[in-house]
Amino acid sequence: MEKRILKFKRIIVPTRVIYKNSIRLITRINLDFVINGYCIYLDEESRLEKVVINGKHPNSNPDTNEFCIPEPFKNMFRITKSYRKRLENMMATFNMNDCYFSPWYAFSYNEDFLE
């Protein structure tokens, strides 16, 4: 089998921010940080190689737009709706504890904790 690229034209609006020990709802966001589609790159054995987004995200490399995927998720990834939904949920979340840059200027969030 050969490498494949799967393209998805989904608009993903970030809805959550994780910082320290809290998860909060994003209430306003700069349109530059709305994801306008993404590509999933698969290797020869249909394993997840990388995900490249069309948009800015603190958890994607600003030079390549490659979204940071945790290794356990990468290793168990299968091309199913449920995995794609989990991936999109990850893209809808800003993890400010572990990010390439901190765009606090690009969004507002609710002061109440979700968890």
C-alpha atoms as a PDB file:
ATOM      1  CA  MET A   1       0.000   0.000   0.000  1.00  0.00           C
ATOM      2  CA  GLU A   2       1.179   3.560  -0.545  1.00  0.00           C
ATOM      3  CA  LYS A   3       1.033   6.694   1.564  1.00  0.00           C
ATOM      4  CA  ARG A   4      -2.259   8.576   1.487  1.00  0.00           C
ATOM      5  CA  ILE A   5      -3.508  12.056   2.260  1.00  0.00           C
ATOM      6  CA  LEU A   6      -7.111  12.451   3.405  1.00  0.00           C
ATOM      7  CA  LYS A   7      -8.514  15.976   3.052  1.00  0.00           C
ATOM      8  CA  PHE A   8     -11.398  17.242   5.178  1.00  0.00           C
ATOM      9  CA  LYS A   9     -13.155  20.556   4.575  1.00  0.00           C
ATOM     10  CA  ARG A  10     -14.475  20.998   8.090  1.00  0.00           C
ATOM     11  CA  ILE A  11     -14.618  24.311   9.900  1.00  0.00           C
ATOM     12  CA  ILE A  12     -13.519  23.850  13.501  1.00  0.00           C
ATOM     13  CA  VAL A  13     -14.076  26.702  15.932  1.00  0.00           C
ATOM     14  CA  PRO A  14     -12.061  26.274  19.151  1.00  0.00           C
ATOM     15  CA  THR A  15     -14.404  26.064  22.128  1.00  0.00           C
ATOM     16  CA  ARG A  16     -12.180  25.178  25.115  1.00  0.00           C
ATOM     17  CA  VAL A  17      -8.916  26.257  26.664  1.00  0.00           C
ATOM     18  CA  ILE A  18      -6.887  24.155  29.080  1.00  0.00           C
ATOM     19  CA  TYR A  19      -4.526  26.003  31.404  1.00  0.00           C
ATOM     20  CA  LYS A  20      -2.938  24.723  34.599  1.00  0.00           C
ATOM     21  CA  ASN A  21      -5.648  22.666  36.325  1.00  0.00           C
ATOM     22  CA  SER A  22      -8.689  24.117  34.590  1.00  0.00           C
ATOM     23  CA  ILE A  23     -10.767  23.829  31.457  1.00  0.00           C
ATOM     24  CA  ARG A  24     -12.716  26.916  30.414  1.00  0.00           C
ATOM     25  CA  LEU A  25     -15.069  27.782  27.575  1.00  0.00           C
ATOM     26  CA  ILE A  26     -13.822  30.116  24.853  1.00  0.00           C
ATOM     27  CA  THR A  27     -16.385  32.898  24.369  1.00  0.00           C
ATOM     28  CA  ARG A  28     -14.712  34.914  21.568  1.00  0.00           C
ATOM     29  CA  ILE A  29     -12.000  34.014  19.091  1.00  0.00           C
ATOM     30  CA  ASN A  30      -9.975  35.755  16.396  1.00  0.00           C
ATOM     31  CA  LEU A  31     -10.977  34.343  13.005  1.00  0.00           C
ATOM     32  CA  ASP A  32      -7.317  33.521  12.229  1.00  0.00           C
ATOM     33  CA  PHE A  33      -7.640  30.740  14.812  1.00  0.00           C
ATOM     34  CA  VAL A  34     -10.678  29.091  13.223  1.00  0.00           C
ATOM     35  CA  ILE A  35      -9.525  25.947  11.431  1.00  0.00           C
ATOM     36  CA  ASN A  36     -10.715  25.842   7.842  1.00  0.00           C
ATOM     37  CA  GLY A  37     -10.059  22.196   6.978  1.00  0.00           C
ATOM     38  CA  TYR A  38      -7.255  19.736   7.628  1.00  0.00           C
ATOM     39  CA  CYS A  39      -5.348  16.860   6.047  1.00  0.00           C
ATOM     40  CA  ILE A  40      -4.544  13.507   7.610  1.00  0.00           C
ATOM     41  CA  TYR A  41      -1.346  11.909   6.326  1.00  0.00           C
ATOM     42  CA  LEU A  42      -1.188   8.119   6.518  1.00  0.00           C
ATOM     43  CA  ASP A  43       1.863   5.935   6.038  1.00  0.00           C
ATOM     44  CA  GLU A  44       2.069   2.791   3.886  1.00  0.00           C
ATOM     45  CA  GLU A  45       0.286   0.753   6.560  1.00  0.00           C
ATOM     46  CA  SER A  46      -2.505   3.325   7.049  1.00  0.00           C
ATOM     47  CA  ARG A  47      -1.063   4.511  10.363  1.00  0.00           C
ATOM     48  CA  LEU A  48      -1.355   8.164  11.290  1.00  0.00           C
ATOM     49  CA  GLU A  49       1.785  10.015  10.256  1.00  0.00           C
ATOM     50  CA  LYS A  50       0.709  13.622  10.806  1.00  0.00           C
ATOM     51  CA  VAL A  51      -2.189  16.066  10.686  1.00  0.00           C
ATOM     52  CA  VAL A  52      -1.797  19.442   8.993  1.00  0.00           C
ATOM     53  CA  ILE A  53      -4.402  22.120   9.676  1.00  0.00           C
ATOM     54  CA  ASN A  54      -5.469  25.115   7.626  1.00  0.00           C
ATOM     55  CA  GLY A  55      -5.361  27.838  10.263  1.00  0.00           C
ATOM     56  CA  LYS A  56      -3.473  28.879  13.374  1.00  0.00           C
ATOM     57  CA  HIS A  57      -3.478  26.864  16.578  1.00  0.00           C
ATOM     58  CA  PRO A  58      -1.200  27.060  19.635  1.00  0.00           C
ATOM     59  CA  ASN A  59      -0.738  23.277  19.456  1.00  0.00           C
ATOM     60  CA  SER A  60       0.445  23.247  15.848  1.00  0.00           C
ATOM     61  CA  ASN A  61       3.888  24.079  14.543  1.00  0.00           C
ATOM     62  CA  PRO A  62       3.643  27.680  13.240  1.00  0.00           C
ATOM     63  CA  ASP A  63       6.099  26.921  10.406  1.00  0.00           C
ATOM     64  CA  THR A  64       4.406  23.766   9.067  1.00  0.00           C
ATOM     65  CA  ASN A  65       0.880  23.870  10.608  1.00  0.00           C
ATOM     66  CA  GLU A  66       1.453  20.282  11.731  1.00  0.00           C
ATOM     67  CA  PHE A  67      -0.892  19.633  14.645  1.00  0.00           C
ATOM     68  CA  CYS A  68       0.710  18.061  17.716  1.00  0.00           C
ATOM     69  CA  ILE A  69      -0.787  14.603  18.273  1.00  0.00           C
ATOM     70  CA  PRO A  70      -0.024  12.628  21.448  1.00  0.00           C
ATOM     71  CA  GLU A  71       1.816   9.376  20.653  1.00  0.00           C
ATOM     72  CA  PRO A  72      -0.806   7.092  22.281  1.00  0.00           C
ATOM     73  CA  PHE A  73      -3.507   8.619  20.054  1.00  0.00           C
ATOM     74  CA  LYS A  74      -1.241   8.422  17.020  1.00  0.00           C
ATOM     75  CA  ASN A  75      -0.507   4.744  17.668  1.00  0.00           C
ATOM     76  CA  MET A  76      -4.148   3.708  18.079  1.00  0.00           C
ATOM     77  CA  PHE A  77      -5.586   5.900  15.325  1.00  0.00           C
ATOM     78  CA  ARG A  78      -7.940   4.226  12.849  1.00  0.00           C
ATOM     79  CA  ILE A  79      -9.838   5.861  10.028  1.00  0.00           C
ATOM     80  CA  THR A  80     -13.276   5.900  11.625  1.00  0.00           C
ATOM     81  CA  LYS A  81     -15.819   8.601  12.404  1.00  0.00           C
ATOM     82  CA  SER A  82     -15.248   8.253  16.151  1.00  0.00           C
ATOM     83  CA  TYR A  83     -11.474   8.758  15.883  1.00  0.00           C
ATOM     84  CA  ARG A  84     -11.952  11.677  13.527  1.00  0.00           C
ATOM     85  CA  LYS A  85     -14.400  13.190  16.018  1.00  0.00           C
ATOM     86  CA  ARG A  86     -11.825  12.807  18.804  1.00  0.00           C
ATOM     87  CA  LEU A  87      -9.197  14.416  16.596  1.00  0.00           C
ATOM     88  CA  GLU A  88     -11.546  17.326  15.844  1.00  0.00           C
ATOM     89  CA  ASN A  89     -12.263  17.695  19.578  1.00  0.00           C
ATOM     90  CA  MET A  90      -8.511  17.979  20.136  1.00  0.00           C
ATOM     91  CA  MET A  91      -8.348  20.688  17.459  1.00  0.00           C
ATOM     92  CA  ALA A  92     -11.243  22.514  19.162  1.00  0.00           C
ATOM     93  CA  THR A  93      -9.178  22.731  22.362  1.00  0.00           C
ATOM     94  CA  PHE A  94      -6.254  25.032  23.107  1.00  0.00           C
ATOM     95  CA  ASN A  95      -3.864  23.265  25.490  1.00  0.00           C
ATOM     96  CA  MET A  96      -1.943  26.245  26.847  1.00  0.00           C
ATOM     97  CA  ASN A  97       0.135  24.024  29.160  1.00  0.00           C
ATOM     98  CA  ASP A  98       2.054  22.553  26.237  1.00  0.00           C
ATOM     99  CA  CYS A  99       2.028  24.786  23.162  1.00  0.00           C
ATOM    100  CA  TYR A 100       4.266  26.307  20.491  1.00  0.00           C
ATOM    101  CA  PHE A 101       3.071  29.834  21.289  1.00  0.00           C
ATOM    102  CA  SER A 102       0.574  31.472  23.655  1.00  0.00           C
ATOM    103  CA  PRO A 103      -2.025  33.540  21.768  1.00  0.00           C
ATOM    104  CA  TRP A 104      -3.898  34.862  24.809  1.00  0.00           C
ATOM    105  CA  TYR A 105      -4.657  37.974  22.720  1.00  0.00           C
ATOM    106  CA  ALA A 106      -6.664  35.904  20.196  1.00  0.00           C
ATOM    107  CA  PHE A 107      -9.530  34.776  22.428  1.00  0.00           C
ATOM    108  CA  SER A 108     -11.642  35.468  25.485  1.00  0.00           C
ATOM    109  CA  TYR A 109     -12.844  32.794  27.859  1.00  0.00           C
ATOM    110  CA  ASN A 110     -15.405  32.280  30.586  1.00  0.00           C
ATOM    111  CA  GLU A 111     -13.990  32.727  34.084  1.00  0.00           C
ATOM    112  CA  ASP A 112     -15.977  29.737  35.383  1.00  0.00           C
ATOM    113  CA  PHE A 113     -14.265  26.343  35.406  1.00  0.00           C
ATOM    114  CA  LEU A 114     -15.739  23.488  33.393  1.00  0.00           C
ATOM    115  CA  GLU A 115     -13.813  20.942  35.452  1.00  0.00           C
END
